[in-house]
Protein backbone atom coordinates (compact mmCIF):
# COMPACT_ATOMS: atom_id res chain seq x y z
CA MET A 1 119.94 119.72 90.95
CA ALA A 2 116.45 118.57 90.86
CA LYS A 3 115.62 114.88 90.91
CA LYS A 4 114.11 113.00 87.99
CA HIS A 5 110.54 112.87 89.37
CA GLN A 6 108.55 115.62 91.10
CA GLY A 7 105.24 115.73 92.72
CA ARG A 8 102.95 118.18 94.76
CA CYS A 9 99.73 118.38 96.57
CA ALA A 10 96.50 120.16 95.12
CA CYS A 11 97.47 123.54 96.46
CA GLY A 12 101.09 123.27 95.76
CA ALA A 13 102.27 123.92 99.34
CA VAL A 14 103.91 120.42 99.50
CA THR A 15 106.42 119.33 96.88
CA PHE A 16 108.53 116.20 96.89
CA GLU A 17 111.09 114.41 94.48
CA PHE A 18 112.74 111.21 93.90
CA ASP A 19 115.13 109.66 91.35
CA SER A 20 114.01 106.06 91.09
CA ASP A 21 112.25 104.57 88.09
CA PRO A 22 109.64 102.69 89.94
CA ASP A 23 109.41 98.82 88.90
CA PHE A 24 106.27 98.05 91.05
CA VAL A 25 103.38 100.15 89.86
CA ALA A 26 100.04 98.78 90.78
CA VAL A 27 96.41 99.58 90.11
CA CYS A 28 94.89 98.32 93.51
CA HIS A 29 91.46 97.50 94.07
CA CYS A 30 91.74 96.53 97.72
CA LEU A 31 89.17 98.04 100.00
CA ASP A 32 91.89 99.98 101.84
CA CYS A 33 92.74 101.85 98.68
CA LYS A 34 89.24 102.45 97.84
CA LYS A 35 88.39 104.13 101.19
CA ALA A 36 91.74 105.99 101.01
CA SER A 37 91.20 107.33 97.30
CA GLY A 38 87.38 107.81 97.29
CA GLY A 39 87.49 105.91 94.06
CA GLU A 40 87.01 102.36 92.67
CA ALA A 41 90.81 101.93 92.70
CA ALA A 42 94.20 103.60 93.61
CA THR A 43 97.25 103.74 91.41
CA TRP A 44 100.55 103.96 93.34
CA PHE A 45 104.08 102.73 93.30
CA GLY A 46 106.94 102.17 95.43
CA VAL A 47 110.31 104.18 95.90
CA PRO A 48 113.13 103.49 98.26
CA ALA A 49 112.46 105.85 101.11
CA ASP A 50 116.14 107.17 101.15
CA ASP A 51 115.44 108.37 97.64
CA PHE A 52 112.21 110.24 98.48
CA THR A 53 112.48 113.87 99.80
CA VAL A 54 109.61 116.27 100.74
CA LEU A 55 111.09 119.76 99.69
CA THR A 56 108.36 122.17 100.79
CA GLY A 57 105.36 122.19 103.02
CA SER A 58 104.17 120.03 105.72
CA THR A 59 102.29 116.86 105.72
CA GLU A 60 100.16 115.08 108.39
CA ALA A 61 100.11 111.30 108.73
CA PHE A 62 97.18 109.42 109.69
CA ASN A 63 98.36 106.04 111.10
CA TYR A 64 96.09 103.16 110.03
CA ILE A 65 96.06 99.28 110.28
CA ALA A 66 95.55 97.80 106.74
CA ASP A 67 93.26 94.56 105.91
CA SER A 68 96.68 92.76 106.04
CA GLY A 69 96.93 93.69 109.68
CA GLN A 70 100.29 95.85 109.14
CA PRO A 71 100.41 99.45 110.14
CA LEU A 72 100.97 102.18 107.65
CA ASP A 73 100.82 106.05 107.49
CA ARG A 74 98.76 107.90 105.00
CA ASN A 75 100.75 111.14 104.41
CA PHE A 76 98.59 114.21 103.08
CA CYS A 77 99.23 118.03 102.69
CA SER A 78 98.28 119.84 106.04
CA THR A 79 96.72 122.66 103.91
CA CYS A 80 94.53 121.09 101.29
CA ALA A 81 94.28 117.28 102.51
CA ALA A 82 95.49 115.92 99.19
CA ARG A 83 96.85 112.27 99.84
CA LEU A 84 100.41 112.05 98.54
CA TYR A 85 102.32 109.11 99.80
CA THR A 86 102.14 106.11 102.12
CA SER A 87 105.12 105.39 104.37
CA ASN A 88 105.99 103.24 107.40
CA LEU A 89 103.96 100.29 105.95
CA GLY A 90 104.78 97.34 108.18
CA SER A 91 105.31 94.75 105.45
CA PHE A 92 107.37 96.96 103.13
CA PRO A 93 110.23 98.67 105.45
CA GLY A 94 112.38 101.15 103.63
CA MET A 95 109.84 101.99 100.91
CA VAL A 96 107.45 104.86 100.31
CA PHE A 97 104.30 104.34 98.11
CA VAL A 98 103.54 107.32 95.96
CA GLN A 99 99.97 108.21 94.68
CA LEU A 100 100.68 108.49 90.87
CA GLY A 101 98.05 111.32 90.72
CA SER A 102 100.36 113.48 92.75
CA LEU A 103 103.19 113.75 90.38
CA THR A 104 103.60 116.81 88.32
CA ASP A 105 104.20 114.55 84.93
CA PRO A 106 102.83 111.14 85.76
CA ALA A 107 102.76 110.17 81.79
CA GLY A 108 106.06 108.26 82.03
CA ILE A 109 105.05 105.97 84.94
CA ALA A 110 102.67 103.31 84.02
CA PRO A 111 100.81 100.44 85.57
CA LYS A 112 102.42 97.10 85.64
CA LEU A 113 99.69 95.05 87.34
CA GLU A 114 96.28 94.94 88.81
CA MET A 115 95.86 93.69 92.19
CA PHE A 116 92.90 92.63 94.60
CA VAL A 117 90.95 91.99 91.51
CA LYS A 118 88.68 90.08 93.60
CA ARG A 119 87.33 93.41 94.79
CA ARG A 120 87.12 95.12 91.31
CA LEU A 121 83.65 96.46 90.69
CA PRO A 122 81.84 94.70 87.86
CA TRP A 123 81.66 97.60 85.85
CA VAL A 124 85.37 98.18 85.57
CA THR A 125 87.31 96.54 82.38
CA PRO A 126 90.23 94.77 83.26
CA LEU A 127 93.37 96.30 82.02
CA ASP A 128 95.78 94.23 79.65
CA MET A 129 98.36 93.57 82.34
CA PRO A 130 98.88 90.61 84.90
CA GLN A 131 95.92 90.33 87.31
CA HIS A 132 96.29 89.13 91.02
CA GLU A 133 93.30 88.26 93.16
CA ALA A 134 95.36 89.57 96.06
CA MET A 135 98.61 91.04 96.90
CA PRO A 136 101.25 89.44 94.37
CA GLY A 137 103.73 87.09 95.99
């Protein structure tokens, strides 16, 4: 039986699923997210790694050291290079951080906070939700 949430890459080669309704959903303006997403910010959320299953396709992992000094793996489709999720984040063991845009139906998962707003560009209007200068504590 399919899990509650599904996602896929741009070409459809990689599919994944999970059941958890995320409670930490962030719009992040840090420099790492900007570089990784190619945009002004990235929207992502955490789910337990033991609930996250890649069903089809193969991913490549780019190991990276974040500004925090912690390692992480940015996982993307081997075929179309769409970024899908982050794993092995040193400061959050046992969690996978999914890119909101990779979900087949992202409407039910809304951001709950903005973080690293000290890096938000001046032309971006703050969202009506908690604002954090850096990583919330």
